[in-house]
Amino acid sequence: MKVTICGAGRTGHLNAVLFKQRPSITVSVLTGSADIADLWAGGEDVWEAHTPEGRILSGRPDYVGTDPGKALEETDMVIVTQPAQARPALLHQIAPHLPRNRRVFLGAIPGFCGFDWLAAKALTRHDNVVVWGMKDVAHTAFDLVPGRRVRMGGLKAELFAALHRRENTADGADLAGMLSLLFAAPVTMLRNYLEITLTPGNALMHPAVLYGLIGPGAPWQNKPFDEPICWWSDCPRAGAELLEACDAENQAIRHAAEARLGIDLSTVKPLRQELIEAYGSQIEDDTTMYTLLRTNSAYAGIRAPVVPNPDGPGLVIDRESRAFHEDIAFGQALLVEMAERLDVPIAAIARTYHWARHYHGGLAEGAPGYMPADWPEAA
């Protein structure tokens, strides 16, 4: 089986190494970085993944380059790991190069921000493409040295995937079989892609913690950091409590969607329950959201995005990070629009969303353009 990974960032790099540990898997990586492509073309680089136990896994992808034609030639599966803001342009780039002589399973890991809507709109003329997404990454990944190595975080106990509603049951069975060849954790197929779109994740977590760190009344409001800071082990109590409020509103969106559409979204569980089920014994204290975030060893060492303070000493949050351009401009914006169409009040989500947009100063307003204009009526 040939797998094409689109994106050589943390998740793409880690997956490439993990897939090369599996027998009979050909791995192709499409990257926008000429430097990474040149490293691979030199013939000497082997990609590494450093495990939490101190082991080093290694593998050399079969192709790494910037040419979509070569990357996608005779591929069976395409996995998009790029952030949400890069995905529309990516799909436009790769669409002409997707094989036409076979079914191609094209999905995103993770599959949030309405990837099913985006891919279906971008690939309307590709009847042989099966659109899917995975609820979350199999592992967290951090400390990337591009084209060289990445550090692997905690392992999810179970993985969940879903198809766009246009696909059929046979496609789901085939996808589950393919994913089981790639991942060690068991894979469960979900019944509705909204189970991925509404799963509590970065679109709730990063904005709430940012607000708790640097928002109104926060410890670092208008104050630079003296040293790098971690997303989770340094999360303030106020950020964790705000996250719980945002999560409760996400559950309200879920219940409203169930009532309006007549579907079962019971797999969209409260965030704390999701994290406990995902990480289990890797969490030392799961009593509250605050203790869970700060004692989850799978999250240990994952740093918030900071850059040197342009106005003086210290460090400030990087406005170019995906926490703004993906989690807020796409993920949160989508939740805000869904809540409005379902008449669900979301005071906490709206507070973090509008504050973040104001703080950044350059984010577009409103839901992503690929969200169906007639949702939920035509869902």
Protein backbone atom coordinates (compact mmCIF):
# COMPACT_ATOMS: atom_id res chain seq x y z
CA MET A 1 0.00 0.00 0.00
CA LYS A 2 1.29 3.45 -0.88
CA VAL A 3 0.58 6.31 1.50
CA THR A 4 1.20 9.95 0.59
CA ILE A 5 1.58 12.29 3.54
CA CYS A 6 0.96 15.97 2.77
CA GLY A 7 3.04 17.99 5.21
CA ALA A 8 6.46 17.38 6.79
CA GLY A 9 5.72 19.06 10.11
CA ARG A 10 5.58 17.29 13.46
CA THR A 11 2.66 14.97 12.72
CA GLY A 12 3.72 14.28 9.14
CA HIS A 13 7.31 13.51 10.14
CA LEU A 14 6.25 11.21 12.98
CA ASN A 15 3.74 9.33 10.85
CA ALA A 16 6.30 8.84 8.08
CA VAL A 17 8.69 7.18 10.53
CA LEU A 18 5.97 5.07 12.16
CA PHE A 19 4.58 3.90 8.83
CA LYS A 20 8.06 2.82 7.71
CA GLN A 21 8.12 0.43 10.67
CA ARG A 22 5.18 -1.45 9.11
CA PRO A 23 5.74 -4.10 6.44
CA SER A 24 4.87 -3.44 2.79
CA ILE A 25 4.07 0.28 3.24
CA THR A 26 5.48 2.76 0.72
CA VAL A 27 5.67 6.27 2.17
CA SER A 28 5.72 9.41 0.06
CA VAL A 29 5.91 12.88 1.64
CA LEU A 30 4.77 16.01 -0.19
CA THR A 31 6.34 19.08 1.38
CA GLY A 32 6.45 22.77 0.59
CA SER A 33 10.03 22.98 1.87
CA ALA A 34 12.75 22.77 -0.75
CA ASP A 35 15.32 22.39 2.04
CA ILE A 36 13.66 19.24 3.39
CA ALA A 37 13.32 17.88 -0.15
CA ASP A 38 17.00 18.56 -0.82
CA LEU A 39 18.03 16.76 2.38
CA TRP A 40 16.16 13.67 1.27
CA ALA A 41 17.45 13.89 -2.30
CA GLY A 42 21.02 13.90 -0.94
CA GLY A 43 20.46 10.26 -0.09
CA GLU A 44 21.94 10.16 3.38
CA ASP A 45 19.19 11.37 5.68
CA VAL A 46 17.17 8.93 7.78
CA TRP A 47 14.21 10.36 9.64
CA GLU A 48 14.03 9.64 13.36
CA ALA A 49 11.34 9.57 16.03
CA HIS A 50 12.44 9.64 19.69
CA THR A 51 9.98 7.75 21.88
CA PRO A 52 9.00 8.62 25.48
CA GLU A 53 10.85 5.45 26.60
CA GLY A 54 14.11 6.69 25.09
CA ARG A 55 14.12 4.50 21.98
CA ILE A 56 14.94 5.89 18.54
CA LEU A 57 12.82 4.72 15.64
CA SER A 58 14.18 5.45 12.18
CA GLY A 59 13.08 5.17 8.59
CA ARG A 60 13.74 6.71 5.22
CA PRO A 61 10.62 7.75 3.29
CA ASP A 62 10.50 6.42 -0.25
CA TYR A 63 9.98 9.94 -1.61
CA VAL A 64 10.20 13.42 -0.10
CA GLY A 65 9.71 16.35 -2.43
CA THR A 66 7.73 19.33 -3.66
CA ASP A 67 6.34 17.71 -6.82
CA PRO A 68 2.71 16.60 -6.26
CA GLY A 69 2.79 14.48 -9.41
CA LYS A 70 5.61 12.32 -8.07
CA ALA A 71 4.29 12.27 -4.52
CA LEU A 72 0.81 11.13 -5.57
CA GLU A 73 1.74 8.73 -8.36
CA GLU A 74 -0.19 5.44 -7.90
CA THR A 75 -1.04 6.32 -4.31
CA ASP A 76 -3.74 4.48 -2.38
CA MET A 77 -4.11 6.82 0.57
CA VAL A 78 -3.50 10.54 1.06
CA ILE A 79 -3.11 11.87 4.60
CA VAL A 80 -3.25 15.64 5.08
CA THR A 81 -1.38 16.76 8.21
CA GLN A 82 -1.05 20.43 7.35
CA PRO A 83 -2.95 22.98 9.49
CA ALA A 84 -6.48 24.01 8.54
CA GLN A 85 -5.45 27.33 7.03
CA ALA A 86 -3.14 25.57 4.53
CA ARG A 87 -5.59 22.88 3.47
CA PRO A 88 -7.71 24.75 0.88
CA ALA A 89 -4.63 25.67 -1.17
CA LEU A 90 -3.18 22.18 -0.74
CA LEU A 91 -6.29 20.44 -2.07
CA HIS A 92 -6.35 22.82 -5.04
CA GLN A 93 -2.70 21.92 -5.68
CA ILE A 94 -3.05 18.15 -5.49
CA ALA A 95 -6.47 17.67 -7.14
CA PRO A 96 -5.12 17.46 -10.72
CA HIS A 97 -2.56 14.83 -9.67
CA LEU A 98 -4.78 12.39 -7.82
CA PRO A 99 -4.94 8.98 -9.55
CA ARG A 100 -8.08 8.38 -11.58
CA ASN A 101 -7.62 4.63 -12.12
CA ARG A 102 -8.33 3.53 -8.54
CA ARG A 103 -10.11 4.49 -5.38
CA VAL A 104 -8.05 6.94 -3.36
CA PHE A 105 -8.74 7.40 0.34
CA LEU A 106 -8.06 11.06 1.12
CA GLY A 107 -8.27 12.15 4.74
CA ALA A 108 -6.90 14.47 7.39
CA ILE A 109 -5.16 13.75 10.68
CA PRO A 110 -6.60 15.33 12.68
CA GLY A 111 -9.82 15.81 10.74
CA PHE A 112 -11.24 18.82 12.58
CA CYS A 113 -12.32 22.24 11.26
CA GLY A 114 -14.88 20.69 8.90
CA PHE A 115 -12.38 18.89 6.69
CA ASP A 116 -15.16 16.74 5.19
CA TRP A 117 -16.93 19.86 3.89
CA LEU A 118 -13.68 21.31 2.56
CA ALA A 119 -12.57 18.16 0.73
CA ALA A 120 -15.98 17.41 -0.75
CA LYS A 121 -16.21 20.95 -2.14
CA ALA A 122 -12.66 20.89 -3.51
CA LEU A 123 -13.00 17.43 -5.09
CA THR A 124 -16.48 17.51 -6.60
CA ARG A 125 -15.19 16.03 -9.89
CA HIS A 126 -13.31 13.16 -8.25
CA ASP A 127 -15.87 10.39 -7.79
CA ASN A 128 -13.13 7.87 -7.03
CA VAL A 129 -11.89 9.79 -3.97
CA VAL A 130 -13.18 8.65 -0.56
CA VAL A 131 -13.13 11.53 1.94
CA TRP A 132 -12.38 10.72 5.58
CA GLY A 133 -10.83 12.13 8.72
CA MET A 134 -9.40 10.95 12.03
CA LYS A 135 -10.63 12.43 15.28
CA ASP A 136 -7.16 13.02 16.68
CA VAL A 137 -3.50 12.20 16.18
CA ALA A 138 -2.29 8.79 17.31
CA HIS A 139 0.58 10.46 19.17
CA THR A 140 1.44 14.00 20.13
CA ALA A 141 4.69 15.17 18.53
CA PHE A 142 7.05 18.03 19.35
CA ASP A 143 10.67 19.27 19.21
CA LEU A 144 10.84 18.86 15.43
CA VAL A 145 14.11 19.26 13.56
CA PRO A 146 12.79 19.37 9.98
CA GLY A 147 13.93 16.48 7.83
CA ARG A 148 15.85 14.97 10.74
CA ARG A 149 13.98 14.03 13.90
CA VAL A 150 10.93 14.61 16.07
CA ARG A 151 9.99 13.68 19.62
CA MET A 152 6.98 11.41 20.13
CA GLY A 153 4.48 12.09 22.90
CA GLY A 154 1.83 9.90 24.48
CA LEU A 155 -0.06 7.19 22.61
CA LYS A 156 -3.85 7.24 22.24
CA ALA A 157 -5.48 4.04 23.50
CA GLU A 158 -8.00 4.03 20.63
CA LEU A 159 -8.36 5.88 17.35
CA PHE A 160 -11.58 7.06 15.68
CA ALA A 161 -12.24 7.82 12.02
CA ALA A 162 -15.26 8.94 10.01
CA LEU A 163 -16.30 9.27 6.37
CA HIS A 164 -17.99 12.14 4.62
CA ARG A 165 -21.69 11.33 4.50
CA ARG A 166 -21.52 10.84 0.71
CA GLU A 167 -19.43 7.66 1.16
CA ASN A 168 -20.82 4.15 1.72
CA THR A 169 -20.48 1.33 4.25
CA ALA A 170 -18.05 -0.65 2.11
CA ASP A 171 -15.73 2.37 1.98
CA GLY A 172 -15.78 2.47 5.77
CA ALA A 173 -14.79 -1.18 6.08
CA ASP A 174 -11.95 -0.72 3.59
CA LEU A 175 -10.71 2.41 5.35
CA ALA A 176 -10.72 0.68 8.74
CA GLY A 177 -8.64 -2.13 7.27
CA MET A 178 -6.12 0.28 5.76
CA LEU A 179 -5.76 2.28 8.97
CA SER A 180 -5.22 -0.91 10.96
CA LEU A 181 -2.18 -1.60 8.78
CA LEU A 182 -0.72 1.79 9.70
CA PHE A 183 -1.50 2.28 13.38
CA ALA A 184 -0.92 0.10 16.45
CA ALA A 185 -3.99 1.36 18.33
CA PRO A 186 -7.38 -0.12 17.40
CA VAL A 187 -9.47 1.98 14.99
CA THR A 188 -13.22 2.51 15.43
CA MET A 189 -15.35 3.94 12.63
CA LEU A 190 -17.75 6.70 13.70
CA ARG A 191 -21.23 7.05 12.20
CA ASN A 192 -21.23 10.79 11.46
CA TYR A 193 -18.42 13.19 10.60
CA LEU A 194 -19.87 15.73 13.04
CA GLU A 195 -18.51 13.43 15.73
CA ILE A 196 -15.09 14.66 14.63
CA THR A 197 -16.01 18.28 13.94
CA LEU A 198 -17.49 18.70 17.43
CA THR A 199 -14.92 16.64 19.33
CA PRO A 200 -13.40 18.98 21.93
CA GLY A 201 -9.81 19.70 20.98
CA ASN A 202 -7.44 22.50 20.08
CA ALA A 203 -10.20 24.89 18.99
CA LEU A 204 -11.36 24.92 22.61
CA MET A 205 -8.11 24.20 24.43
CA HIS A 206 -5.57 26.62 22.97
CA PRO A 207 -7.78 29.75 22.97
CA ALA A 208 -8.89 29.16 26.59
CA VAL A 209 -5.32 28.66 27.80
CA LEU A 210 -4.12 31.70 25.81
CA TYR A 211 -6.83 33.78 27.47
CA GLY A 212 -5.78 32.40 30.85
CA LEU A 213 -2.14 33.28 30.19
CA ILE A 214 -2.30 36.70 28.52
CA GLY A 215 -5.97 37.78 28.43
CA PRO A 216 -7.69 40.36 30.65
CA GLY A 217 -6.54 39.93 34.25
CA ALA A 218 -4.14 37.11 33.36
CA PRO A 219 -0.64 36.77 34.90
CA TRP A 220 1.09 37.85 31.69
CA GLN A 221 -1.38 40.41 30.40
CA ASN A 222 0.76 43.07 28.68
CA LYS A 223 3.83 41.42 30.21
CA PRO A 224 6.45 39.30 28.40
CA PHE A 225 7.49 35.84 29.57
CA ASP A 226 10.94 35.56 31.11
CA GLU A 227 11.42 32.07 29.65
CA PRO A 228 9.59 29.59 27.40
CA ILE A 229 6.31 28.33 28.82
CA CYS A 230 4.46 25.04 28.34
CA TRP A 231 0.88 24.89 27.11
CA TRP A 232 -0.38 22.42 29.67
CA SER A 233 1.98 21.95 32.61
CA ASP A 234 2.04 25.75 33.03
CA CYS A 235 -1.68 26.27 32.38
CA PRO A 236 -3.16 28.72 34.93
CA ARG A 237 -6.16 27.62 36.97
CA ALA A 238 -8.28 30.37 35.38
CA GLY A 239 -7.43 29.03 31.91
CA ALA A 240 -8.47 25.51 32.90
CA GLU A 241 -11.75 26.77 34.38
CA LEU A 242 -12.49 28.81 31.25
CA LEU A 243 -11.77 25.70 29.19
CA GLU A 244 -14.38 23.79 31.19
CA ALA A 245 -16.93 26.54 30.45
CA CYS A 246 -16.11 26.42 26.73
CA ASP A 247 -16.41 22.65 26.76
CA ALA A 248 -19.86 22.82 28.36
CA GLU A 249 -20.96 25.14 25.55
CA ASN A 250 -19.55 22.72 22.98
CA GLN A 251 -21.71 20.02 24.55
CA ALA A 252 -24.71 22.33 24.15
CA ILE A 253 -23.91 22.68 20.43
CA ARG A 254 -23.73 18.90 20.21
CA HIS A 255 -27.13 18.42 21.87
CA ALA A 256 -28.72 21.05 19.63
CA ALA A 257 -27.28 19.39 16.52
CA GLU A 258 -28.63 16.02 17.66
CA ALA A 259 -32.11 17.47 18.17
CA ARG A 260 -32.16 19.39 14.88
CA LEU A 261 -30.72 16.62 12.71
CA GLY A 262 -32.12 13.58 14.48
CA ILE A 263 -28.71 11.93 14.89
CA ASP A 264 -26.69 10.40 17.72
CA LEU A 265 -23.50 12.28 18.61
CA SER A 266 -22.96 10.58 21.97
CA THR A 267 -19.31 9.89 21.15
CA VAL A 268 -18.72 13.66 21.48
CA LYS A 269 -17.89 13.42 25.16
CA PRO A 270 -16.89 16.15 27.62
CA LEU A 271 -13.24 17.06 27.22
CA ARG A 272 -12.05 15.79 30.61
CA GLN A 273 -13.64 12.41 29.91
CA GLU A 274 -12.07 12.35 26.43
CA LEU A 275 -8.62 13.02 27.88
CA ILE A 276 -8.96 10.45 30.65
CA GLU A 277 -10.02 7.78 28.16
CA ALA A 278 -7.28 8.75 25.72
CA TYR A 279 -4.34 8.94 28.13
CA GLY A 280 -5.38 6.83 31.14
CA SER A 281 -2.46 6.07 33.44
CA GLN A 282 -0.34 8.77 31.81
CA ILE A 283 -2.38 11.26 33.89
CA GLU A 284 -1.26 11.47 37.51
CA ASP A 285 -4.24 13.45 38.85
CA ASP A 286 -7.49 13.69 36.87
CA THR A 287 -9.56 15.24 39.66
CA THR A 288 -10.13 18.51 37.80
CA MET A 289 -9.32 19.91 34.39
CA TYR A 290 -6.57 21.95 36.02
CA THR A 291 -4.85 18.97 37.66
CA LEU A 292 -5.35 16.80 34.59
CA LEU A 293 -3.66 19.23 32.23
CA ARG A 294 -0.75 19.85 34.56
CA THR A 295 -0.07 16.18 35.38
CA ASN A 296 -0.61 14.50 31.99
CA SER A 297 2.82 13.10 31.12
CA ALA A 298 1.76 12.83 27.46
CA TYR A 299 1.57 16.64 27.43
CA ALA A 300 4.76 17.29 29.40
CA GLY A 301 7.25 19.53 27.64
CA ILE A 302 4.91 20.74 24.89
CA ARG A 303 5.74 24.43 24.69
CA ALA A 304 3.45 27.29 23.82
CA PRO A 305 4.56 29.21 20.70
CA VAL A 306 6.71 32.17 21.72
CA VAL A 307 9.08 34.52 19.92
CA PRO A 308 11.49 37.23 21.12
CA ASN A 309 9.67 40.34 22.30
CA PRO A 310 10.09 42.96 19.54
CA ASP A 311 9.58 45.78 22.06
CA GLY A 312 12.11 44.74 24.68
CA PRO A 313 13.39 41.80 26.70
CA GLY A 314 11.62 38.50 27.17
CA LEU A 315 9.27 36.47 25.00
CA VAL A 316 5.75 36.95 23.66
CA ILE A 317 3.16 34.67 22.09
CA ASP A 318 3.81 34.12 18.39
CA ARG A 319 0.95 35.64 16.40
CA GLU A 320 1.93 33.49 13.42
CA SER A 321 1.29 30.23 15.26
CA ARG A 322 -1.46 27.81 14.32
CA ALA A 323 -3.12 28.55 17.67
CA PHE A 324 -4.38 31.73 15.98
CA HIS A 325 -4.50 30.83 12.29
CA GLU A 326 -5.99 27.35 12.71
CA ASP A 327 -7.61 26.99 16.13
CA ILE A 328 -9.23 30.43 16.21
CA ALA A 329 -9.67 31.54 12.59
CA PHE A 330 -10.97 28.12 11.51
CA GLY A 331 -11.83 25.91 14.49
CA GLN A 332 -13.41 28.46 16.82
CA ALA A 333 -14.96 30.42 13.96
CA LEU A 334 -16.72 27.25 12.83
CA LEU A 335 -18.09 26.59 16.33
CA VAL A 336 -19.32 30.18 16.63
CA GLU A 337 -21.18 29.89 13.30
CA MET A 338 -22.66 26.49 14.15
CA ALA A 339 -23.88 27.80 17.51
CA GLU A 340 -25.49 30.83 15.85
CA ARG A 341 -27.33 28.68 13.30
CA LEU A 342 -28.51 26.35 16.08
CA ASP A 343 -29.48 29.23 18.42
CA VAL A 344 -27.10 28.06 21.17
CA PRO A 345 -25.68 30.70 23.56
CA ILE A 346 -21.88 30.46 23.84
CA ALA A 347 -20.68 33.26 26.13
CA ALA A 348 -17.31 31.65 27.01
CA ILE A 349 -16.41 30.53 23.48
CA ALA A 350 -17.43 33.91 22.06
CA ARG A 351 -15.39 35.73 24.73
CA THR A 352 -12.19 33.85 23.88
CA TYR A 353 -12.87 34.08 20.13
CA HIS A 354 -13.46 37.83 19.97
CA TRP A 355 -10.63 38.58 22.40
CA ALA A 356 -8.18 36.47 20.35
CA ARG A 357 -9.20 38.12 17.10
CA HIS A 358 -8.72 41.55 18.66
CA TYR A 359 -5.38 40.55 20.23
CA HIS A 360 -4.06 39.19 16.94
CA GLY A 361 -5.37 42.03 14.81
CA GLY A 362 -5.18 40.26 11.45
CA LEU A 363 -7.52 37.29 11.47
CA ALA A 364 -10.45 37.02 9.10
CA GLU A 365 -13.92 37.09 10.62
CA GLY A 366 -16.59 34.48 10.13
CA ALA A 367 -16.82 30.77 9.37
CA PRO A 368 -14.60 29.13 6.73
CA GLY A 369 -15.97 29.62 3.24
CA TYR A 370 -16.42 25.90 2.65
CA MET A 371 -19.02 25.49 5.41
CA PRO A 372 -22.27 24.67 3.58
CA ALA A 373 -24.50 27.74 3.44
CA ASP A 374 -27.59 25.60 4.06
CA TRP A 375 -26.30 23.67 7.09
CA PRO A 376 -27.97 22.30 9.20
CA GLU A 377 -31.10 22.18 7.07
CA ALA A 378 -29.49 20.18 4.26
CA ALA A 379 -27.19 18.05 6.45
